[in-house]
Amino acid sequence: MAKPTVDGPGQAKLQQLASATLLAQTVHGLIEKYAIAVRTGQPTAGFPQQIKRAATPLVGLLRSQFQLLADLSSDLILIATRGGGADAAKLRMLRERVGQLKSGIELAVTSTLNKHAVADHAPAPDSSAGSGG
């Protein structure tokens, strides 16, 4: 099946969402490294700051077109930098938010493809035009 054709604004949104997907995967990787550190008893003091640094560009990238996704990213940063000693609870909330964020990005891609789809300009073959009898 051929890729759907989208107009200019749709292509710009899809590029934003592709960049957001890469950043979200980076944040997800950091959260999973944090989980491994918690599970193995390693020091976890640096992980919240790393997650904040990785997720901050995501907020700026999504703020202009995808406000709800930007709010999810901001919430993820707030959870990561919130004080307290309950690493397991913080980790569970971070995993939930990054899952919501990745699902939201996928839904935004689908919505953008549907909203900005452009019909192909190739003329359909006309079966009645060929016979001149």
C-alpha atoms as a PDB file:
ATOM      1  CA  MET A   1       0.000   0.000   0.000  1.00  0.00           C
ATOM      2  CA  ALA A   2       1.349   3.432  -0.930  1.00  0.00           C
ATOM      3  CA  LYS A   3       1.965   6.080   1.682  1.00  0.00           C
ATOM      4  CA  PRO A   4      -0.799   8.660   1.873  1.00  0.00           C
ATOM      5  CA  THR A   5       0.051  12.063   0.473  1.00  0.00           C
ATOM      6  CA  VAL A   6      -0.312  14.999   2.849  1.00  0.00           C
ATOM      7  CA  ASP A   7      -0.235  18.735   2.282  1.00  0.00           C
ATOM      8  CA  GLY A   8       2.522  21.099   3.450  1.00  0.00           C
ATOM      9  CA  PRO A   9       1.233  21.806   6.973  1.00  0.00           C
ATOM     10  CA  GLY A  10       0.618  18.096   7.432  1.00  0.00           C
ATOM     11  CA  GLN A  11       4.197  17.300   6.447  1.00  0.00           C
ATOM     12  CA  ALA A  12       5.495  19.867   8.943  1.00  0.00           C
ATOM     13  CA  LYS A  13       3.368  18.334  11.705  1.00  0.00           C
ATOM     14  CA  LEU A  14       4.541  14.838  10.802  1.00  0.00           C
ATOM     15  CA  GLN A  15       8.173  15.981  10.994  1.00  0.00           C
ATOM     16  CA  GLN A  16       7.486  17.463  14.436  1.00  0.00           C
ATOM     17  CA  LEU A  17       5.888  14.216  15.539  1.00  0.00           C
ATOM     18  CA  ALA A  18       8.797  12.156  14.169  1.00  0.00           C
ATOM     19  CA  SER A  19      11.228  14.270  16.195  1.00  0.00           C
ATOM     20  CA  ALA A  20       8.963  13.945  19.220  1.00  0.00           C
ATOM     21  CA  THR A  21       8.930  10.166  18.797  1.00  0.00           C
ATOM     22  CA  LEU A  22      12.725  10.038  18.911  1.00  0.00           C
ATOM     23  CA  LEU A  23      12.835  12.242  22.004  1.00  0.00           C
ATOM     24  CA  ALA A  24      10.125  10.169  23.695  1.00  0.00           C
ATOM     25  CA  GLN A  25      12.124   7.001  22.993  1.00  0.00           C
ATOM     26  CA  THR A  26      15.178   8.623  24.574  1.00  0.00           C
ATOM     27  CA  VAL A  27      13.168   9.555  27.667  1.00  0.00           C
ATOM     28  CA  HIS A  28      11.719   6.047  27.803  1.00  0.00           C
ATOM     29  CA  GLY A  29      15.222   4.583  27.692  1.00  0.00           C
ATOM     30  CA  LEU A  30      16.318   6.789  30.582  1.00  0.00           C
ATOM     31  CA  ILE A  31      13.281   5.749  32.608  1.00  0.00           C
ATOM     32  CA  GLU A  32      14.087   2.083  32.035  1.00  0.00           C
ATOM     33  CA  LYS A  33      17.726   2.669  33.058  1.00  0.00           C
ATOM     34  CA  TYR A  34      16.345   4.336  36.188  1.00  0.00           C
ATOM     35  CA  ALA A  35      14.220   1.225  36.817  1.00  0.00           C
ATOM     36  CA  ILE A  36      17.241  -1.046  36.480  1.00  0.00           C
ATOM     37  CA  ALA A  37      19.198   1.139  38.902  1.00  0.00           C
ATOM     38  CA  VAL A  38      16.344   1.005  41.428  1.00  0.00           C
ATOM     39  CA  ARG A  39      16.011  -2.767  41.057  1.00  0.00           C
ATOM     40  CA  THR A  40      19.745  -3.442  41.466  1.00  0.00           C
ATOM     41  CA  GLY A  41      20.206  -0.996  44.317  1.00  0.00           C
ATOM     42  CA  GLN A  42      22.515   1.376  42.440  1.00  0.00           C
ATOM     43  CA  PRO A  43      22.514   5.122  43.149  1.00  0.00           C
ATOM     44  CA  THR A  44      19.594   6.881  41.446  1.00  0.00           C
ATOM     45  CA  ALA A  45      20.299  10.514  42.306  1.00  0.00           C
ATOM     46  CA  GLY A  46      21.238  11.576  38.765  1.00  0.00           C
ATOM     47  CA  PHE A  47      18.369  10.023  36.849  1.00  0.00           C
ATOM     48  CA  PRO A  48      15.632  12.603  37.554  1.00  0.00           C
ATOM     49  CA  GLN A  49      17.850  15.389  36.232  1.00  0.00           C
ATOM     50  CA  GLN A  50      18.744  13.367  33.121  1.00  0.00           C
ATOM     51  CA  ILE A  51      15.061  12.709  32.454  1.00  0.00           C
ATOM     52  CA  LYS A  52      14.288  16.400  32.897  1.00  0.00           C
ATOM     53  CA  ARG A  53      17.044  17.378  30.450  1.00  0.00           C
ATOM     54  CA  ALA A  54      15.853  14.858  27.874  1.00  0.00           C
ATOM     55  CA  ALA A  55      12.150  15.750  28.169  1.00  0.00           C
ATOM     56  CA  THR A  56      12.436  19.559  28.195  1.00  0.00           C
ATOM     57  CA  PRO A  57      12.998  19.881  24.402  1.00  0.00           C
ATOM     58  CA  LEU A  58       9.924  17.706  23.932  1.00  0.00           C
ATOM     59  CA  VAL A  59       7.751  20.334  25.616  1.00  0.00           C
ATOM     60  CA  GLY A  60       9.050  23.091  23.355  1.00  0.00           C
ATOM     61  CA  LEU A  61       8.677  20.961  20.245  1.00  0.00           C
ATOM     62  CA  LEU A  62       5.074  20.011  20.935  1.00  0.00           C
ATOM     63  CA  ARG A  63       3.834  23.277  22.462  1.00  0.00           C
ATOM     64  CA  SER A  64       2.886  25.005  19.196  1.00  0.00           C
ATOM     65  CA  GLN A  65       0.685  22.330  17.583  1.00  0.00           C
ATOM     66  CA  PHE A  66       0.059  19.604  20.147  1.00  0.00           C
ATOM     67  CA  GLN A  67      -0.727  21.265  23.479  1.00  0.00           C
ATOM     68  CA  LEU A  68      -2.052  18.139  25.218  1.00  0.00           C
ATOM     69  CA  LEU A  69       1.107  16.213  24.388  1.00  0.00           C
ATOM     70  CA  ALA A  70       3.212  19.123  25.629  1.00  0.00           C
ATOM     71  CA  ASP A  71       1.248  19.075  28.888  1.00  0.00           C
ATOM     72  CA  LEU A  72       1.930  15.352  29.265  1.00  0.00           C
ATOM     73  CA  SER A  73       5.632  16.055  28.763  1.00  0.00           C
ATOM     74  CA  SER A  74       5.529  18.802  31.383  1.00  0.00           C
ATOM     75  CA  ASP A  75       3.774  16.441  33.776  1.00  0.00           C
ATOM     76  CA  LEU A  76       6.464  13.841  33.156  1.00  0.00           C
ATOM     77  CA  ILE A  77       9.137  16.408  34.056  1.00  0.00           C
ATOM     78  CA  LEU A  78       7.282  17.366  37.238  1.00  0.00           C
ATOM     79  CA  ILE A  79       7.022  13.736  38.295  1.00  0.00           C
ATOM     80  CA  ALA A  80      10.710  13.118  37.577  1.00  0.00           C
ATOM     81  CA  THR A  81      11.896  16.101  39.609  1.00  0.00           C
ATOM     82  CA  ARG A  82       9.451  15.717  42.496  1.00  0.00           C
ATOM     83  CA  GLY A  83      11.193  15.036  45.774  1.00  0.00           C
ATOM     84  CA  GLY A  84      10.554  12.117  48.026  1.00  0.00           C
ATOM     85  CA  GLY A  85      12.078   8.742  48.592  1.00  0.00           C
ATOM     86  CA  ALA A  86       9.519   6.507  46.899  1.00  0.00           C
ATOM     87  CA  ASP A  87      11.441   5.519  43.775  1.00  0.00           C
ATOM     88  CA  ALA A  88       9.041   2.682  42.944  1.00  0.00           C
ATOM     89  CA  ALA A  89       5.990   4.961  42.937  1.00  0.00           C
ATOM     90  CA  LYS A  90       7.817   7.626  40.951  1.00  0.00           C
ATOM     91  CA  LEU A  91       8.955   5.026  38.458  1.00  0.00           C
ATOM     92  CA  ARG A  92       5.423   3.686  38.005  1.00  0.00           C
ATOM     93  CA  MET A  93       4.097   7.198  37.313  1.00  0.00           C
ATOM     94  CA  LEU A  94       6.950   7.946  34.893  1.00  0.00           C
ATOM     95  CA  ARG A  95       6.241   4.752  32.976  1.00  0.00           C
ATOM     96  CA  GLU A  96       2.543   5.630  32.794  1.00  0.00           C
ATOM     97  CA  ARG A  97       3.262   9.130  31.478  1.00  0.00           C
ATOM     98  CA  VAL A  98       5.769   8.032  28.869  1.00  0.00           C
ATOM     99  CA  GLY A  99       3.301   5.373  27.711  1.00  0.00           C
ATOM    100  CA  GLN A 100       0.557   7.987  27.438  1.00  0.00           C
ATOM    101  CA  LEU A 101       2.922  10.285  25.585  1.00  0.00           C
ATOM    102  CA  LYS A 102       3.959   7.641  23.049  1.00  0.00           C
ATOM    103  CA  SER A 103       0.331   6.612  22.499  1.00  0.00           C
ATOM    104  CA  GLY A 104      -0.658  10.250  22.088  1.00  0.00           C
ATOM    105  CA  ILE A 105       2.057  10.785  19.499  1.00  0.00           C
ATOM    106  CA  GLU A 106       0.862   7.751  17.534  1.00  0.00           C
ATOM    107  CA  LEU A 107      -2.722   9.030  17.652  1.00  0.00           C
ATOM    108  CA  ALA A 108      -1.558  12.479  16.545  1.00  0.00           C
ATOM    109  CA  VAL A 109       0.247  10.947  13.559  1.00  0.00           C
ATOM    110  CA  THR A 110      -2.900   9.071  12.532  1.00  0.00           C
ATOM    111  CA  SER A 111      -5.050  12.158  13.039  1.00  0.00           C
ATOM    112  CA  THR A 112      -2.647  14.328  11.042  1.00  0.00           C
ATOM    113  CA  LEU A 113      -2.585  11.839   8.176  1.00  0.00           C
ATOM    114  CA  ASN A 114      -6.391  11.777   8.089  1.00  0.00           C
ATOM    115  CA  LYS A 115      -6.830  15.519   8.450  1.00  0.00           C
ATOM    116  CA  HIS A 116      -4.195  16.605   5.913  1.00  0.00           C
ATOM    117  CA  ALA A 117      -4.642  13.886   3.292  1.00  0.00           C
ATOM    118  CA  VAL A 118      -4.483  15.084  -0.307  1.00  0.00           C
ATOM    119  CA  ALA A 119      -6.158  13.204  -3.138  1.00  0.00           C
ATOM    120  CA  ASP A 120      -3.813  11.903  -5.816  1.00  0.00           C
ATOM    121  CA  HIS A 121      -3.848  13.996  -8.973  1.00  0.00           C
ATOM    122  CA  ALA A 122      -3.467  11.070 -11.387  1.00  0.00           C
ATOM    123  CA  PRO A 123      -6.489  10.901 -13.708  1.00  0.00           C
ATOM    124  CA  ALA A 124      -8.476   7.699 -13.512  1.00  0.00           C
ATOM    125  CA  PRO A 125      -8.627   5.716 -16.770  1.00  0.00           C
ATOM    126  CA  ASP A 126     -11.961   6.166 -18.534  1.00  0.00           C
ATOM    127  CA  SER A 127     -13.178   2.965 -20.182  1.00  0.00           C
ATOM    128  CA  SER A 128     -15.738   4.688 -22.446  1.00  0.00           C
ATOM    129  CA  ALA A 129     -13.247   7.108 -24.063  1.00  0.00           C
ATOM    130  CA  GLY A 130     -11.224   4.396 -25.860  1.00  0.00           C
ATOM    131  CA  SER A 131     -13.845   3.144 -28.351  1.00  0.00           C
ATOM    132  CA  GLY A 132     -14.741   5.519 -31.134  1.00  0.00           C
ATOM    133  CA  GLY A 133     -17.222   3.496 -33.104  1.00  0.00           C
END
